[in-house]
Amino acid sequence: MKSAVEGAPNQYDTNYWLGAAYSGAKNYKDALPSLSAAVTRATTDLQKFDALTQRAIAYNATNDKPKARTDLNEALLLNVSGRETQRVDALKLLLTDLAGSPPGATYTPKP
């Protein structure tokens, strides 16, 4: 996949899928350059949404919360259909970042 990006560095698909492969392997730091290239090269709102949400996940995993938040906000403003589950997941990630993890079902606050 990396050689495909080197052969076609201006294509959205090769950059997106290389970044997604790195993310899938939990190699988030290496995913960021390809996902950033995919964001730049996206030609549709759907492509941009997918690249932004993947990049936000990578930023979040590398503890760059401000950049993750910015990407999630931008992704949620796009008008895309067919990505309802991903939109809910992005919103959950954003809300968790802003408010912290919700208490578990057995959580009992201590006085």
C-alpha atoms as a PDB file:
ATOM      1  CA  MET A   1       0.000   0.000   0.000  1.00  0.00           C
ATOM      2  CA  LYS A   2       2.834   2.385   0.850  1.00  0.00           C
ATOM      3  CA  SER A   3       4.306   1.926  -2.630  1.00  0.00           C
ATOM      4  CA  ALA A   4       0.888   2.727  -4.105  1.00  0.00           C
ATOM      5  CA  VAL A   5       0.920   6.064  -2.284  1.00  0.00           C
ATOM      6  CA  GLU A   6       4.457   6.739  -3.461  1.00  0.00           C
ATOM      7  CA  GLY A   7       3.338   6.008  -7.035  1.00  0.00           C
ATOM      8  CA  ALA A   8       0.213   8.168  -6.784  1.00  0.00           C
ATOM      9  CA  PRO A   9       0.764  10.662  -3.950  1.00  0.00           C
ATOM     10  CA  ASN A  10      -2.025  12.981  -5.103  1.00  0.00           C
ATOM     11  CA  GLN A  11      -4.815  10.405  -4.938  1.00  0.00           C
ATOM     12  CA  TYR A  12      -7.308  10.418  -2.103  1.00  0.00           C
ATOM     13  CA  ASP A  13      -7.929   6.654  -2.081  1.00  0.00           C
ATOM     14  CA  THR A  14      -4.330   5.528  -1.702  1.00  0.00           C
ATOM     15  CA  ASN A  15      -3.644   8.020   1.085  1.00  0.00           C
ATOM     16  CA  TYR A  16      -6.889   7.255   2.906  1.00  0.00           C
ATOM     17  CA  TRP A  17      -6.446   3.484   2.815  1.00  0.00           C
ATOM     18  CA  LEU A  18      -2.795   3.623   3.877  1.00  0.00           C
ATOM     19  CA  GLY A  19      -3.796   5.808   6.834  1.00  0.00           C
ATOM     20  CA  ALA A  20      -6.690   3.480   7.649  1.00  0.00           C
ATOM     21  CA  ALA A  21      -4.337   0.471   7.508  1.00  0.00           C
ATOM     22  CA  TYR A  22      -1.924   2.145   9.929  1.00  0.00           C
ATOM     23  CA  SER A  23      -4.831   3.020  12.227  1.00  0.00           C
ATOM     24  CA  GLY A  24      -6.135  -0.519  12.050  1.00  0.00           C
ATOM     25  CA  ALA A  25      -2.717  -1.714  13.189  1.00  0.00           C
ATOM     26  CA  LYS A  26      -2.869   0.902  15.992  1.00  0.00           C
ATOM     27  CA  ASN A  27       0.112   2.702  14.435  1.00  0.00           C
ATOM     28  CA  TYR A  28      -1.582   6.075  14.772  1.00  0.00           C
ATOM     29  CA  LYS A  29       1.500   8.274  14.491  1.00  0.00           C
ATOM     30  CA  ASP A  30       2.294   6.847  11.048  1.00  0.00           C
ATOM     31  CA  ALA A  31      -1.373   7.130  10.026  1.00  0.00           C
ATOM     32  CA  LEU A  32      -1.478  10.912  10.457  1.00  0.00           C
ATOM     33  CA  PRO A  33       0.504  12.016   7.359  1.00  0.00           C
ATOM     34  CA  SER A  34      -1.549   9.820   5.013  1.00  0.00           C
ATOM     35  CA  LEU A  35      -4.848  10.812   6.589  1.00  0.00           C
ATOM     36  CA  SER A  36      -3.873  14.485   6.422  1.00  0.00           C
ATOM     37  CA  ALA A  37      -3.093  14.042   2.731  1.00  0.00           C
ATOM     38  CA  ALA A  38      -6.471  12.352   2.272  1.00  0.00           C
ATOM     39  CA  VAL A  39      -8.263  15.279   3.950  1.00  0.00           C
ATOM     40  CA  THR A  40      -6.509  17.679   1.582  1.00  0.00           C
ATOM     41  CA  ARG A  41      -7.253  15.571  -1.499  1.00  0.00           C
ATOM     42  CA  ALA A  42     -10.895  14.777  -0.709  1.00  0.00           C
ATOM     43  CA  THR A  43     -13.200  15.895  -3.512  1.00  0.00           C
ATOM     44  CA  THR A  44     -16.534  15.103  -1.857  1.00  0.00           C
ATOM     45  CA  ASP A  45     -18.027  15.749   1.573  1.00  0.00           C
ATOM     46  CA  LEU A  46     -18.241  11.991   2.114  1.00  0.00           C
ATOM     47  CA  GLN A  47     -14.518  11.516   1.466  1.00  0.00           C
ATOM     48  CA  LYS A  48     -13.695  14.455   3.697  1.00  0.00           C
ATOM     49  CA  PHE A  49     -15.951  13.117   6.466  1.00  0.00           C
ATOM     50  CA  ASP A  50     -14.280   9.702   6.358  1.00  0.00           C
ATOM     51  CA  ALA A  51     -10.758  11.150   6.352  1.00  0.00           C
ATOM     52  CA  LEU A  52     -11.522  13.651   9.119  1.00  0.00           C
ATOM     53  CA  THR A  53     -13.067  11.053  11.413  1.00  0.00           C
ATOM     54  CA  GLN A  54     -10.178   8.628  10.862  1.00  0.00           C
ATOM     55  CA  ARG A  55      -7.650  11.390  11.476  1.00  0.00           C
ATOM     56  CA  ALA A  56      -9.536  12.471  14.627  1.00  0.00           C
ATOM     57  CA  ILE A  57      -9.290   8.924  15.952  1.00  0.00           C
ATOM     58  CA  ALA A  58      -5.536   8.942  15.262  1.00  0.00           C
ATOM     59  CA  TYR A  59      -5.107  12.341  16.916  1.00  0.00           C
ATOM     60  CA  ASN A  60      -7.100  11.160  19.915  1.00  0.00           C
ATOM     61  CA  ALA A  61      -4.975   8.013  20.197  1.00  0.00           C
ATOM     62  CA  THR A  62      -1.783  10.094  20.107  1.00  0.00           C
ATOM     63  CA  ASN A  63      -3.181  12.390  22.817  1.00  0.00           C
ATOM     64  CA  ASP A  64      -3.565  15.417  20.557  1.00  0.00           C
ATOM     65  CA  LYS A  65      -7.050  16.205  21.854  1.00  0.00           C
ATOM     66  CA  PRO A  66      -7.348  19.746  20.406  1.00  0.00           C
ATOM     67  CA  LYS A  67      -6.705  18.512  16.852  1.00  0.00           C
ATOM     68  CA  ALA A  68      -9.044  15.551  17.357  1.00  0.00           C
ATOM     69  CA  ARG A  69     -11.757  17.917  18.558  1.00  0.00           C
ATOM     70  CA  THR A  70     -11.241  20.243  15.571  1.00  0.00           C
ATOM     71  CA  ASP A  71     -11.496  17.350  13.090  1.00  0.00           C
ATOM     72  CA  LEU A  72     -14.613  15.945  14.760  1.00  0.00           C
ATOM     73  CA  ASN A  73     -16.297  19.340  14.741  1.00  0.00           C
ATOM     74  CA  GLU A  74     -15.495  19.824  11.057  1.00  0.00           C
ATOM     75  CA  ALA A  75     -16.676  16.316  10.172  1.00  0.00           C
ATOM     76  CA  LEU A  76     -19.970  16.749  12.010  1.00  0.00           C
ATOM     77  CA  LEU A  77     -20.685  19.951  10.075  1.00  0.00           C
ATOM     78  CA  LEU A  78     -20.524  18.143   6.727  1.00  0.00           C
ATOM     79  CA  ASN A  79     -23.772  17.100   5.090  1.00  0.00           C
ATOM     80  CA  VAL A  80     -23.254  13.389   4.422  1.00  0.00           C
ATOM     81  CA  SER A  81     -25.755  10.585   4.242  1.00  0.00           C
ATOM     82  CA  GLY A  82     -25.117   6.934   4.913  1.00  0.00           C
ATOM     83  CA  ARG A  83     -22.731   7.611   7.774  1.00  0.00           C
ATOM     84  CA  GLU A  84     -25.158   7.890  10.666  1.00  0.00           C
ATOM     85  CA  THR A  85     -23.349   5.309  12.821  1.00  0.00           C
ATOM     86  CA  GLN A  86     -20.015   7.042  12.242  1.00  0.00           C
ATOM     87  CA  ARG A  87     -21.580  10.426  13.039  1.00  0.00           C
ATOM     88  CA  VAL A  88     -22.895   9.068  16.352  1.00  0.00           C
ATOM     89  CA  ASP A  89     -19.477   7.541  17.136  1.00  0.00           C
ATOM     90  CA  ALA A  90     -17.763  10.849  16.326  1.00  0.00           C
ATOM     91  CA  LEU A  91     -20.198  12.712  18.535  1.00  0.00           C
ATOM     92  CA  LYS A  92     -19.639  10.251  21.402  1.00  0.00           C
ATOM     93  CA  LEU A  93     -15.876  10.666  21.087  1.00  0.00           C
ATOM     94  CA  LEU A  94     -16.225  14.436  21.075  1.00  0.00           C
ATOM     95  CA  LEU A  95     -18.556  14.475  24.073  1.00  0.00           C
ATOM     96  CA  THR A  96     -16.343  12.080  26.018  1.00  0.00           C
ATOM     97  CA  ASP A  97     -13.388  14.348  25.354  1.00  0.00           C
ATOM     98  CA  LEU A  98     -15.302  17.408  26.483  1.00  0.00           C
ATOM     99  CA  ALA A  99     -17.088  15.925  29.490  1.00  0.00           C
ATOM    100  CA  GLY A 100     -14.995  12.911  30.461  1.00  0.00           C
ATOM    101  CA  SER A 101     -16.080   9.309  30.630  1.00  0.00           C
ATOM    102  CA  PRO A 102     -19.604   8.677  31.859  1.00  0.00           C
ATOM    103  CA  PRO A 103     -19.897   6.769  35.121  1.00  0.00           C
ATOM    104  CA  GLY A 104     -20.469   3.048  34.891  1.00  0.00           C
ATOM    105  CA  ALA A 105     -23.775   1.417  35.833  1.00  0.00           C
ATOM    106  CA  THR A 106     -22.363   0.353  39.199  1.00  0.00           C
ATOM    107  CA  TYR A 107     -20.664   3.661  39.954  1.00  0.00           C
ATOM    108  CA  THR A 108     -21.553   4.990  43.374  1.00  0.00           C
ATOM    109  CA  PRO A 109     -20.337   8.486  44.217  1.00  0.00           C
ATOM    110  CA  LYS A 110     -18.594   8.779  47.557  1.00  0.00           C
ATOM    111  CA  PRO A 111     -19.470  11.649  49.863  1.00  0.00           C
END
